[in-house]
Amino acid sequence: VPSYISFLLLPRLIRRIENRAPAISLDILTSNRERAIEWLEKGEIDFRIGWIKEPPDTLRFKTLYTDHFVCMVRKNHPEIGRKLTLEQLCGIPHVRALIHKNSDSGRLIDQTLAAGGMRIRISHFVQDSLVVPYVVANSSLISIVPSRLAQATSRQLPVRIMPLPLKFPELNIALYWHERTHRDAGHEWMRAQIGEACRSL
């Protein structure tokens, strides 16, 4: 599970499980995009939550929620007023989580910009998505992030959430599992719990 999705989802999911099946134990692994499909194929993990642009035929999936990109900037940013312009988006240095450096979502951002003959300047990569809002709040760097992450962290940090001056495709955050576990009663129950926990996001 990507860290920002864990941040949003796990408190709700664990509360549901604590109330309904307190004997169940969960092992939550850090997202590993390169190996997640292999782990599902081998049965080393039961589920993956995130976005796989082209999942293999052996995987089932269910969309949990959709999200969209926004730009996060610090309050009183010296260059940004009420609206974010394309020139500012491409000219002001960005911070990006390392996990998104070559991820599907990172490529989606870069490809959307490239289609319009633009690109952003990423001056810093950080290890974790949850570090990004704190870097933005304490610097003049900006960042394109999922809206739900921006909304959740903006309650504690002196940041602003700016609409992007360019239309980006939406993110479909989904739950993935292997075909062989599709009829398993325990898997069906857990899929239902994950789906219900996402309803309140």
N, C-alpha and C. Protein backbone atom coordinates (compact mmCIF):
# COMPACT_ATOMS: atom_id res chain seq x y z
N VAL A 1 0.85 -1.18 0.00
CA VAL A 1 0.00 0.00 0.00
C VAL A 1 0.89 1.24 0.00
N PRO A 2 0.71 2.18 -0.93
CA PRO A 2 1.46 3.44 -0.87
C PRO A 2 1.22 4.14 0.45
N SER A 3 2.23 4.85 0.94
CA SER A 3 2.14 5.41 2.30
C SER A 3 1.00 6.39 2.46
N TYR A 4 0.72 7.21 1.44
CA TYR A 4 -0.34 8.19 1.63
C TYR A 4 -1.71 7.52 1.66
N ILE A 5 -1.88 6.40 0.95
CA ILE A 5 -3.14 5.65 1.02
C ILE A 5 -3.26 4.97 2.38
N SER A 6 -2.15 4.44 2.89
CA SER A 6 -2.15 3.88 4.25
C SER A 6 -2.58 4.93 5.26
N PHE A 7 -2.04 6.14 5.11
CA PHE A 7 -2.35 7.25 6.01
C PHE A 7 -3.84 7.56 6.01
N LEU A 8 -4.45 7.52 4.82
CA LEU A 8 -5.88 7.83 4.71
C LEU A 8 -6.77 6.67 5.13
N LEU A 9 -6.40 5.46 4.74
CA LEU A 9 -7.30 4.31 4.84
C LEU A 9 -7.16 3.51 6.12
N LEU A 10 -5.93 3.24 6.56
CA LEU A 10 -5.73 2.26 7.63
C LEU A 10 -6.41 2.59 8.95
N PRO A 11 -6.43 3.84 9.40
CA PRO A 11 -7.17 4.08 10.66
C PRO A 11 -8.63 3.65 10.57
N ARG A 12 -9.27 3.89 9.44
CA ARG A 12 -10.67 3.50 9.26
C ARG A 12 -10.81 1.98 9.14
N LEU A 13 -9.92 1.36 8.37
CA LEU A 13 -9.99 -0.08 8.16
C LEU A 13 -9.73 -0.84 9.45
N ILE A 14 -8.70 -0.45 10.18
CA ILE A 14 -8.36 -1.16 11.42
C ILE A 14 -9.47 -0.99 12.46
N ARG A 15 -10.10 0.18 12.51
CA ARG A 15 -11.22 0.36 13.43
C ARG A 15 -12.36 -0.60 13.09
N ARG A 16 -12.66 -0.77 11.79
CA ARG A 16 -13.71 -1.70 11.38
C ARG A 16 -13.37 -3.13 11.80
N ILE A 17 -12.12 -3.54 11.55
CA ILE A 17 -11.73 -4.91 11.86
C ILE A 17 -11.70 -5.13 13.37
N GLU A 18 -11.25 -4.13 14.12
CA GLU A 18 -11.22 -4.23 15.58
C GLU A 18 -12.63 -4.46 16.13
N ASN A 19 -13.62 -3.83 15.50
CA ASN A 19 -15.00 -3.96 15.96
C ASN A 19 -15.66 -5.26 15.50
N ARG A 20 -15.24 -5.80 14.34
CA ARG A 20 -15.94 -6.93 13.75
C ARG A 20 -15.20 -8.26 13.86
N ALA A 21 -13.88 -8.21 13.87
CA ALA A 21 -13.08 -9.45 13.94
C ALA A 21 -11.76 -9.15 14.63
N PRO A 22 -11.79 -8.90 15.94
CA PRO A 22 -10.60 -8.46 16.66
C PRO A 22 -9.46 -9.47 16.67
N ALA A 23 -9.72 -10.74 16.33
CA ALA A 23 -8.64 -11.73 16.32
C ALA A 23 -7.80 -11.67 15.05
N ILE A 24 -8.28 -10.95 14.04
CA ILE A 24 -7.55 -10.87 12.77
C ILE A 24 -6.31 -9.98 12.92
N SER A 25 -5.24 -10.41 12.29
CA SER A 25 -4.00 -9.64 12.28
C SER A 25 -3.64 -9.26 10.84
N LEU A 26 -3.27 -8.02 10.62
CA LEU A 26 -2.89 -7.55 9.29
C LEU A 26 -1.39 -7.28 9.23
N ASP A 27 -0.78 -7.63 8.13
CA ASP A 27 0.60 -7.23 7.83
C ASP A 27 0.53 -6.29 6.63
N ILE A 28 0.86 -5.03 6.83
CA ILE A 28 0.80 -4.02 5.77
C ILE A 28 2.21 -3.76 5.27
N LEU A 29 2.45 -4.01 4.00
CA LEU A 29 3.77 -3.81 3.42
C LEU A 29 3.84 -2.47 2.70
N THR A 30 5.05 -1.88 2.70
CA THR A 30 5.29 -0.67 1.93
C THR A 30 5.13 -0.99 0.45
N SER A 31 4.59 -0.05 -0.28
CA SER A 31 4.35 -0.27 -1.71
C SER A 31 5.64 -0.58 -2.45
N ASN A 32 5.57 -1.60 -3.30
CA ASN A 32 6.68 -1.95 -4.18
C ASN A 32 6.08 -2.25 -5.54
N ARG A 33 5.98 -1.22 -6.36
CA ARG A 33 5.28 -1.34 -7.63
C ARG A 33 5.87 -2.43 -8.52
N GLU A 34 7.21 -2.53 -8.52
CA GLU A 34 7.87 -3.47 -9.42
C GLU A 34 7.57 -4.92 -9.06
N ARG A 35 7.36 -5.21 -7.77
CA ARG A 35 7.22 -6.59 -7.34
C ARG A 35 5.80 -6.97 -6.93
N ALA A 36 4.90 -5.98 -6.83
CA ALA A 36 3.56 -6.26 -6.30
C ALA A 36 2.82 -7.30 -7.12
N ILE A 37 2.88 -7.20 -8.44
CA ILE A 37 2.17 -8.16 -9.29
C ILE A 37 2.76 -9.56 -9.11
N GLU A 38 4.10 -9.64 -9.06
CA GLU A 38 4.77 -10.93 -8.84
C GLU A 38 4.34 -11.54 -7.50
N TRP A 39 4.27 -10.72 -6.46
CA TRP A 39 3.87 -11.22 -5.13
C TRP A 39 2.43 -11.73 -5.15
N LEU A 40 1.55 -11.02 -5.86
CA LEU A 40 0.17 -11.49 -5.99
C LEU A 40 0.11 -12.81 -6.74
N GLU A 41 0.89 -12.90 -7.80
CA GLU A 41 0.92 -14.15 -8.60
C GLU A 41 1.39 -15.33 -7.76
N LYS A 42 2.37 -15.10 -6.90
CA LYS A 42 2.94 -16.18 -6.09
C LYS A 42 2.17 -16.43 -4.80
N GLY A 43 1.21 -15.58 -4.50
CA GLY A 43 0.45 -15.75 -3.26
C GLY A 43 1.18 -15.23 -2.04
N GLU A 44 2.20 -14.41 -2.22
CA GLU A 44 2.95 -13.86 -1.09
C GLU A 44 2.21 -12.69 -0.43
N ILE A 45 1.32 -12.06 -1.16
CA ILE A 45 0.44 -11.05 -0.59
C ILE A 45 -0.98 -11.36 -1.07
N ASP A 46 -1.96 -10.88 -0.32
CA ASP A 46 -3.36 -11.12 -0.66
C ASP A 46 -3.95 -10.01 -1.53
N PHE A 47 -3.53 -8.77 -1.27
CA PHE A 47 -4.12 -7.62 -1.96
C PHE A 47 -3.04 -6.59 -2.28
N ARG A 48 -3.34 -5.77 -3.26
CA ARG A 48 -2.58 -4.54 -3.48
C ARG A 48 -3.59 -3.41 -3.64
N ILE A 49 -3.30 -2.29 -2.99
CA ILE A 49 -4.13 -1.11 -3.16
C ILE A 49 -3.29 -0.04 -3.84
N GLY A 50 -3.81 0.54 -4.88
CA GLY A 50 -3.08 1.57 -5.61
C GLY A 50 -3.62 1.70 -7.01
N TRP A 51 -2.73 1.95 -7.93
CA TRP A 51 -3.12 2.11 -9.33
C TRP A 51 -2.15 1.34 -10.20
N ILE A 52 -2.65 0.35 -10.93
CA ILE A 52 -1.86 -0.38 -11.92
C ILE A 52 -2.47 -0.03 -13.27
N LYS A 53 -1.71 0.61 -14.09
CA LYS A 53 -2.26 1.13 -15.36
C LYS A 53 -2.79 0.00 -16.24
N GLU A 54 -2.04 -1.10 -16.35
CA GLU A 54 -2.45 -2.22 -17.19
C GLU A 54 -2.28 -3.52 -16.42
N PRO A 55 -3.23 -3.85 -15.54
CA PRO A 55 -3.08 -5.09 -14.74
C PRO A 55 -3.19 -6.33 -15.63
N PRO A 56 -2.45 -7.39 -15.28
CA PRO A 56 -2.54 -8.64 -16.07
C PRO A 56 -3.90 -9.29 -15.91
N ASP A 57 -4.21 -10.20 -16.83
CA ASP A 57 -5.52 -10.87 -16.83
C ASP A 57 -5.74 -11.74 -15.60
N THR A 58 -4.66 -12.15 -14.93
CA THR A 58 -4.80 -13.01 -13.75
C THR A 58 -5.26 -12.24 -12.52
N LEU A 59 -5.31 -10.92 -12.60
CA LEU A 59 -5.72 -10.13 -11.45
C LEU A 59 -7.15 -9.62 -11.62
N ARG A 60 -7.89 -9.67 -10.53
CA ARG A 60 -9.18 -9.00 -10.44
C ARG A 60 -8.96 -7.65 -9.77
N PHE A 61 -9.86 -6.72 -10.01
CA PHE A 61 -9.73 -5.44 -9.30
C PHE A 61 -11.08 -4.76 -9.16
N LYS A 62 -11.15 -3.88 -8.17
CA LYS A 62 -12.35 -3.10 -7.91
C LYS A 62 -11.90 -1.68 -7.56
N THR A 63 -12.47 -0.69 -8.24
CA THR A 63 -12.13 0.70 -7.93
C THR A 63 -12.68 1.06 -6.55
N LEU A 64 -11.81 1.57 -5.69
CA LEU A 64 -12.20 1.98 -4.34
C LEU A 64 -12.67 3.42 -4.31
N TYR A 65 -11.93 4.28 -5.01
CA TYR A 65 -12.32 5.69 -5.11
C TYR A 65 -11.51 6.33 -6.23
N THR A 66 -11.98 7.46 -6.69
CA THR A 66 -11.24 8.24 -7.67
C THR A 66 -10.66 9.47 -6.99
N ASP A 67 -9.58 9.95 -7.54
CA ASP A 67 -8.92 11.13 -7.00
C ASP A 67 -8.44 11.98 -8.16
N HIS A 68 -8.05 13.19 -7.88
CA HIS A 68 -7.51 14.04 -8.92
C HIS A 68 -6.31 14.80 -8.37
N PHE A 69 -5.49 15.28 -9.27
CA PHE A 69 -4.29 16.00 -8.86
C PHE A 69 -4.59 17.47 -8.58
N VAL A 70 -3.87 18.00 -7.59
CA VAL A 70 -3.88 19.43 -7.28
C VAL A 70 -2.44 19.86 -7.06
N CYS A 71 -2.23 21.15 -6.94
CA CYS A 71 -0.89 21.63 -6.61
C CYS A 71 -0.91 22.17 -5.19
N MET A 72 0.06 21.75 -4.41
CA MET A 72 0.18 22.21 -3.04
C MET A 72 1.31 23.24 -2.96
N VAL A 73 1.02 24.39 -2.36
CA VAL A 73 2.01 25.46 -2.20
C VAL A 73 1.91 25.98 -0.77
N ARG A 74 2.96 26.59 -0.28
CA ARG A 74 2.87 27.12 1.08
C ARG A 74 2.08 28.42 1.09
N LYS A 75 1.48 28.71 2.22
CA LYS A 75 0.77 29.97 2.38
C LYS A 75 1.78 31.12 2.26
N ASN A 76 1.32 32.22 1.69
CA ASN A 76 2.18 33.39 1.49
C ASN A 76 3.38 33.07 0.61
N HIS A 77 3.17 32.20 -0.38
CA HIS A 77 4.25 31.90 -1.33
C HIS A 77 4.62 33.20 -2.05
N PRO A 78 5.92 33.50 -2.17
CA PRO A 78 6.33 34.79 -2.73
C PRO A 78 5.98 35.00 -4.20
N GLU A 79 5.72 33.91 -4.93
CA GLU A 79 5.47 34.05 -6.37
C GLU A 79 4.04 33.74 -6.80
N ILE A 80 3.26 33.14 -5.92
CA ILE A 80 1.93 32.65 -6.32
C ILE A 80 0.85 33.45 -5.59
N GLY A 81 -0.05 34.02 -6.39
CA GLY A 81 -1.17 34.77 -5.84
C GLY A 81 -2.40 33.90 -5.71
N ARG A 82 -3.54 34.41 -6.16
CA ARG A 82 -4.79 33.67 -6.00
C ARG A 82 -4.91 32.50 -6.98
N LYS A 83 -4.26 32.63 -8.13
CA LYS A 83 -4.34 31.57 -9.13
C LYS A 83 -2.94 31.09 -9.49
N LEU A 84 -2.83 29.81 -9.77
CA LEU A 84 -1.58 29.23 -10.23
C LEU A 84 -1.57 29.22 -11.76
N THR A 85 -0.54 29.80 -12.35
CA THR A 85 -0.47 29.85 -13.81
C THR A 85 0.40 28.70 -14.32
N LEU A 86 0.28 28.41 -15.60
CA LEU A 86 1.12 27.39 -16.23
C LEU A 86 2.59 27.76 -16.12
N GLU A 87 2.88 29.03 -16.28
CA GLU A 87 4.27 29.50 -16.18
C GLU A 87 4.84 29.22 -14.79
N GLN A 88 4.02 29.46 -13.76
CA GLN A 88 4.48 29.18 -12.39
C GLN A 88 4.61 27.68 -12.15
N LEU A 89 3.64 26.91 -12.65
CA LEU A 89 3.69 25.46 -12.47
C LEU A 89 4.97 24.87 -13.05
N CYS A 90 5.38 25.36 -14.19
CA CYS A 90 6.57 24.82 -14.87
C CYS A 90 7.86 25.51 -14.43
N GLY A 91 7.74 26.72 -13.91
CA GLY A 91 8.95 27.48 -13.59
C GLY A 91 9.43 27.34 -12.16
N ILE A 92 8.51 27.15 -11.22
CA ILE A 92 8.88 27.04 -9.81
C ILE A 92 9.31 25.60 -9.52
N PRO A 93 10.44 25.40 -8.83
CA PRO A 93 10.91 24.03 -8.55
C PRO A 93 9.91 23.22 -7.73
N HIS A 94 9.87 21.92 -8.01
CA HIS A 94 8.95 20.99 -7.34
C HIS A 94 9.71 20.04 -6.44
N VAL A 95 8.98 19.48 -5.47
CA VAL A 95 9.44 18.32 -4.70
C VAL A 95 8.51 17.17 -5.04
N ARG A 96 9.07 15.96 -5.17
CA ARG A 96 8.27 14.79 -5.51
C ARG A 96 8.75 13.61 -4.67
N ALA A 97 7.81 12.75 -4.29
CA ALA A 97 8.18 11.54 -3.56
C ALA A 97 8.92 10.59 -4.49
N LEU A 98 9.95 9.97 -3.96
CA LEU A 98 10.77 9.07 -4.75
C LEU A 98 9.97 7.93 -5.35
N ILE A 99 8.94 7.47 -4.61
CA ILE A 99 8.11 6.37 -5.10
C ILE A 99 7.40 6.75 -6.40
N HIS A 100 7.18 8.05 -6.62
CA HIS A 100 6.50 8.50 -7.83
C HIS A 100 7.47 8.87 -8.95
N LYS A 101 8.78 8.67 -8.71
CA LYS A 101 9.76 9.06 -9.72
C LYS A 101 9.51 8.35 -11.04
N ASN A 102 9.29 7.03 -10.96
CA ASN A 102 9.02 6.25 -12.17
C ASN A 102 7.70 5.49 -12.09
N SER A 103 6.79 5.98 -11.25
CA SER A 103 5.52 5.28 -11.07
C SER A 103 4.54 5.64 -12.18
N ASP A 104 3.43 4.90 -12.24
CA ASP A 104 2.40 5.21 -13.23
C ASP A 104 1.86 6.62 -13.02
N SER A 105 1.66 7.02 -11.76
CA SER A 105 1.11 8.36 -11.51
C SER A 105 2.12 9.44 -11.85
N GLY A 106 3.40 9.20 -11.53
CA GLY A 106 4.43 10.16 -11.91
C GLY A 106 4.53 10.32 -13.42
N ARG A 107 4.48 9.18 -14.12
CA ARG A 107 4.52 9.24 -15.58
C ARG A 107 3.28 9.93 -16.15
N LEU A 108 2.14 9.71 -15.51
CA LEU A 108 0.91 10.36 -15.96
C LEU A 108 1.04 11.88 -15.90
N ILE A 109 1.60 12.38 -14.81
CA ILE A 109 1.82 13.82 -14.68
C ILE A 109 2.75 14.31 -15.79
N ASP A 110 3.88 13.63 -15.94
CA ASP A 110 4.88 14.08 -16.90
C ASP A 110 4.39 13.97 -18.34
N GLN A 111 3.64 12.89 -18.64
CA GLN A 111 3.14 12.71 -20.00
C GLN A 111 2.06 13.73 -20.34
N THR A 112 1.23 14.08 -19.36
CA THR A 112 0.20 15.10 -19.61
C THR A 112 0.84 16.44 -19.92
N LEU A 113 1.86 16.78 -19.16
CA LEU A 113 2.59 18.03 -19.42
C LEU A 113 3.29 17.97 -20.77
N ALA A 114 3.95 16.85 -21.05
CA ALA A 114 4.70 16.71 -22.31
C ALA A 114 3.78 16.82 -23.52
N ALA A 115 2.53 16.35 -23.39
CA ALA A 115 1.59 16.44 -24.51
C ALA A 115 1.31 17.88 -24.89
N GLY A 116 1.47 18.78 -23.93
CA GLY A 116 1.29 20.21 -24.20
C GLY A 116 2.61 20.93 -24.40
N GLY A 117 3.68 20.16 -24.56
CA GLY A 117 5.00 20.76 -24.78
C GLY A 117 5.60 21.38 -23.54
N MET A 118 5.23 20.86 -22.36
CA MET A 118 5.71 21.42 -21.09
C MET A 118 6.34 20.35 -20.22
N ARG A 119 7.07 20.79 -19.23
CA ARG A 119 7.57 19.89 -18.19
C ARG A 119 7.84 20.70 -16.94
N ILE A 120 7.83 20.02 -15.81
CA ILE A 120 8.12 20.69 -14.54
C ILE A 120 9.56 20.42 -14.14
N ARG A 121 10.05 21.28 -13.27
CA ARG A 121 11.43 21.15 -12.80
C ARG A 121 11.40 20.58 -11.38
N ILE A 122 11.81 19.33 -11.24
CA ILE A 122 11.83 18.69 -9.91
C ILE A 122 13.23 18.85 -9.34
N SER A 123 13.33 19.62 -8.27
CA SER A 123 14.65 19.88 -7.71
C SER A 123 14.99 18.95 -6.55
N HIS A 124 13.97 18.34 -5.94
CA HIS A 124 14.22 17.46 -4.80
C HIS A 124 13.29 16.25 -4.84
N PHE A 125 13.85 15.09 -4.58
CA PHE A 125 13.07 13.87 -4.36
C PHE A 125 13.19 13.49 -2.88
N VAL A 126 12.06 13.13 -2.27
CA VAL A 126 12.08 12.68 -0.88
C VAL A 126 11.57 11.24 -0.83
N GLN A 127 11.88 10.54 0.24
CA GLN A 127 11.61 9.10 0.30
C GLN A 127 10.13 8.77 0.37
N ASP A 128 9.35 9.61 1.04
CA ASP A 128 7.98 9.24 1.37
C ASP A 128 7.01 10.33 0.96
N SER A 129 5.84 9.93 0.45
CA SER A 129 4.81 10.89 0.04
C SER A 129 4.38 11.81 1.18
N LEU A 130 4.38 11.29 2.40
CA LEU A 130 3.91 12.08 3.53
C LEU A 130 4.89 13.18 3.94
N VAL A 131 6.12 13.09 3.44
CA VAL A 131 7.10 14.14 3.71
C VAL A 131 6.86 15.36 2.83
N VAL A 132 6.29 15.12 1.65
CA VAL A 132 6.11 16.20 0.66
C VAL A 132 5.37 17.41 1.22
N PRO A 133 4.19 17.24 1.87
CA PRO A 133 3.50 18.43 2.38
C PRO A 133 4.32 19.23 3.38
N TYR A 134 5.14 18.55 4.17
CA TYR A 134 5.96 19.25 5.16
C TYR A 134 7.08 20.05 4.49
N VAL A 135 7.64 19.49 3.42
CA VAL A 135 8.65 20.23 2.66
C VAL A 135 8.02 21.46 2.02
N VAL A 136 6.84 21.28 1.43
CA VAL A 136 6.14 22.41 0.79
C VAL A 136 5.84 23.49 1.82
N ALA A 137 5.37 23.09 3.00
CA ALA A 137 4.99 24.06 4.03
C ALA A 137 6.16 24.87 4.54
N ASN A 138 7.37 24.35 4.38
CA ASN A 138 8.55 25.01 4.94
C ASN A 138 9.55 25.46 3.89
N SER A 139 9.10 25.63 2.65
CA SER A 139 9.99 26.05 1.57
C SER A 139 9.17 26.76 0.50
N SER A 140 9.83 27.17 -0.56
CA SER A 140 9.13 27.74 -1.70
C SER A 140 8.91 26.72 -2.81
N LEU A 141 9.20 25.45 -2.52
CA LEU A 141 8.92 24.39 -3.48
C LEU A 141 7.42 24.14 -3.56
N ILE A 142 6.96 23.64 -4.69
CA ILE A 142 5.56 23.27 -4.85
C ILE A 142 5.50 21.79 -5.24
N SER A 143 4.30 21.22 -5.25
CA SER A 143 4.21 19.81 -5.61
C SER A 143 2.82 19.48 -6.14
N ILE A 144 2.78 18.62 -7.16
CA ILE A 144 1.53 18.07 -7.66
C ILE A 144 1.26 16.79 -6.88
N VAL A 145 0.13 16.76 -6.18
CA VAL A 145 -0.18 15.63 -5.30
C VAL A 145 -1.66 15.25 -5.46
N PRO A 146 -2.04 14.03 -5.05
CA PRO A 146 -3.46 13.67 -5.04
C PRO A 146 -4.25 14.57 -4.09
N SER A 147 -5.46 14.92 -4.49
CA SER A 147 -6.27 15.86 -3.72
C SER A 147 -6.53 15.38 -2.29
N ARG A 148 -6.76 14.09 -2.11
CA ARG A 148 -7.11 13.60 -0.76
C ARG A 148 -5.92 13.72 0.20
N LEU A 149 -4.71 13.53 -0.31
CA LEU A 149 -3.53 13.75 0.53
C LEU A 149 -3.42 15.23 0.89
N ALA A 150 -3.64 16.10 -0.09
CA ALA A 150 -3.55 17.54 0.16
C ALA A 150 -4.58 17.98 1.19
N GLN A 151 -5.81 17.50 1.04
CA GLN A 151 -6.88 17.89 1.97
C GLN A 151 -6.57 17.43 3.40
N ALA A 152 -6.10 16.20 3.54
CA ALA A 152 -5.84 15.65 4.87
C ALA A 152 -4.71 16.38 5.58
N THR A 153 -3.65 16.71 4.86
CA THR A 153 -2.49 17.34 5.51
C THR A 153 -2.64 18.85 5.64
N SER A 154 -3.51 19.46 4.82
CA SER A 154 -3.65 20.93 4.89
C SER A 154 -4.33 21.38 6.18
N ARG A 155 -4.96 20.45 6.88
CA ARG A 155 -5.60 20.81 8.15
C ARG A 155 -4.57 21.11 9.24
N GLN A 156 -3.38 20.55 9.09
CA GLN A 156 -2.34 20.75 10.10
C GLN A 156 -1.20 21.66 9.64
N LEU A 157 -1.13 21.94 8.36
CA LEU A 157 0.04 22.65 7.82
C LEU A 157 -0.35 23.96 7.14
N PRO A 158 0.56 24.94 7.15
CA PRO A 158 0.28 26.23 6.49
C PRO A 158 0.51 26.14 4.98
N VAL A 159 -0.41 25.46 4.31
CA VAL A 159 -0.31 25.27 2.86
C VAL A 159 -1.62 25.66 2.20
N ARG A 160 -1.55 25.89 0.90
CA ARG A 160 -2.75 26.13 0.10
C ARG A 160 -2.86 25.05 -0.96
N ILE A 161 -4.10 24.72 -1.30
CA ILE A 161 -4.37 23.74 -2.35
C ILE A 161 -4.86 24.52 -3.57
N MET A 162 -4.10 24.42 -4.66
CA MET A 162 -4.40 25.21 -5.85
C MET A 162 -4.89 24.29 -6.97
N PRO A 163 -5.97 24.67 -7.65
CA PRO A 163 -6.35 23.93 -8.86
C PRO A 163 -5.24 24.04 -9.90
N LEU A 164 -5.05 22.98 -10.64
CA LEU A 164 -4.01 22.98 -11.67
C LEU A 164 -4.51 23.72 -12.92
N PRO A 165 -3.61 24.46 -13.57
CA PRO A 165 -4.02 25.22 -14.76
C PRO A 165 -4.02 24.38 -16.03
N LEU A 166 -4.08 23.07 -15.86
CA LEU A 166 -4.05 22.13 -16.97
C LEU A 166 -4.86 20.90 -16.53
N LYS A 167 -5.63 20.34 -17.44
CA LYS A 167 -6.47 19.19 -17.07
C LYS A 167 -5.64 17.91 -17.08
N PHE A 168 -5.64 17.22 -15.94
CA PHE A 168 -4.96 15.94 -15.80
C PHE A 168 -6.00 14.83 -15.68
N PRO A 169 -5.68 13.62 -16.17
CA PRO A 169 -6.61 12.49 -15.97
C PRO A 169 -6.79 12.19 -14.49
N GLU A 170 -7.92 11.60 -14.17
CA GLU A 170 -8.18 11.21 -12.78
C GLU A 170 -7.39 9.95 -12.43
N LEU A 171 -7.18 9.76 -11.14
CA LEU A 171 -6.57 8.54 -10.62
C LEU A 171 -7.68 7.61 -10.14
N ASN A 172 -7.62 6.36 -10.55
CA ASN A 172 -8.55 5.35 -10.06
C ASN A 172 -7.80 4.46 -9.08
N ILE A 173 -8.02 4.68 -7.81
CA ILE A 173 -7.36 3.88 -6.78
C ILE A 173 -8.18 2.61 -6.60
N ALA A 174 -7.53 1.47 -6.79
CA ALA A 174 -8.26 0.19 -6.83
C ALA A 174 -7.64 -0.83 -5.89
N LEU A 175 -8.45 -1.82 -5.58
CA LEU A 175 -8.02 -2.99 -4.83
C LEU A 175 -7.80 -4.12 -5.83
N TYR A 176 -6.62 -4.74 -5.79
CA TYR A 176 -6.27 -5.83 -6.71
C TYR A 176 -6.09 -7.12 -5.93
N TRP A 177 -6.53 -8.23 -6.53
CA TRP A 177 -6.31 -9.54 -5.94
C TRP A 177 -6.21 -10.57 -7.06
N HIS A 178 -5.67 -11.74 -6.72
CA HIS A 178 -5.46 -12.76 -7.74
C HIS A 178 -6.75 -13.54 -8.00
N GLU A 179 -6.90 -13.99 -9.22
CA GLU A 179 -8.09 -14.74 -9.64
C GLU A 179 -8.35 -15.96 -8.75
N ARG A 180 -7.28 -16.64 -8.30
CA ARG A 180 -7.48 -17.89 -7.55
C ARG A 180 -8.12 -17.64 -6.18
N THR A 181 -8.05 -16.42 -5.66
CA THR A 181 -8.65 -16.14 -4.34
C THR A 181 -10.02 -15.48 -4.46
N HIS A 182 -10.51 -15.35 -5.68
CA HIS A 182 -11.73 -14.57 -5.89
C HIS A 182 -12.92 -15.12 -5.13
N ARG A 183 -13.04 -16.46 -5.04
CA ARG A 183 -14.20 -17.08 -4.38
C ARG A 183 -13.95 -17.41 -2.92
N ASP A 184 -12.78 -17.13 -2.41
CA ASP A 184 -12.46 -17.44 -1.02
C ASP A 184 -13.29 -16.55 -0.09
N ALA A 185 -13.97 -17.18 0.86
CA ALA A 185 -14.87 -16.44 1.74
C ALA A 185 -14.15 -15.39 2.58
N GLY A 186 -12.95 -15.74 3.07
CA GLY A 186 -12.18 -14.78 3.86
C GLY A 186 -11.77 -13.58 3.04
N HIS A 187 -11.36 -13.84 1.80
CA HIS A 187 -10.98 -12.74 0.91
C HIS A 187 -12.19 -11.86 0.59
N GLU A 188 -13.32 -12.50 0.34
CA GLU A 188 -14.53 -11.72 0.04
C GLU A 188 -14.88 -10.80 1.21
N TRP A 189 -14.78 -11.34 2.43
CA TRP A 189 -15.08 -10.54 3.61
C TRP A 189 -14.13 -9.35 3.74
N MET A 190 -12.83 -9.61 3.54
CA MET A 190 -11.86 -8.53 3.68
C MET A 190 -12.03 -7.49 2.58
N ARG A 191 -12.35 -7.93 1.37
CA ARG A 191 -12.60 -6.97 0.29
C ARG A 191 -13.76 -6.05 0.66
N ALA A 192 -14.78 -6.64 1.27
CA ALA A 192 -15.94 -5.83 1.69
C ALA A 192 -15.56 -4.82 2.76
N GLN A 193 -14.70 -5.22 3.70
CA GLN A 193 -14.27 -4.30 4.75
C GLN A 193 -13.46 -3.14 4.18
N ILE A 194 -12.57 -3.46 3.25
CA ILE A 194 -11.75 -2.41 2.63
C ILE A 194 -12.64 -1.45 1.85
N GLY A 195 -13.60 -2.01 1.10
CA GLY A 195 -14.51 -1.16 0.34
C GLY A 195 -15.33 -0.24 1.23
N GLU A 196 -15.84 -0.78 2.34
CA GLU A 196 -16.63 0.04 3.26
C GLU A 196 -15.78 1.12 3.92
N ALA A 197 -14.56 0.79 4.28
CA ALA A 197 -13.67 1.79 4.90
C ALA A 197 -13.39 2.94 3.95
N CYS A 198 -13.32 2.65 2.66
CA CYS A 198 -13.06 3.69 1.68
C CYS A 198 -14.25 4.62 1.44
N ARG A 199 -15.43 4.16 1.79
CA ARG A 199 -16.63 4.99 1.58
C ARG A 199 -16.57 6.27 2.40
N SER A 200 -15.87 6.24 3.52
CA SER A 200 -15.84 7.41 4.40
C SER A 200 -14.63 8.31 4.15
N LEU A 201 -13.84 7.97 3.13
CA LEU A 201 -12.66 8.81 2.85
C LEU A 201 -13.09 10.17 2.31
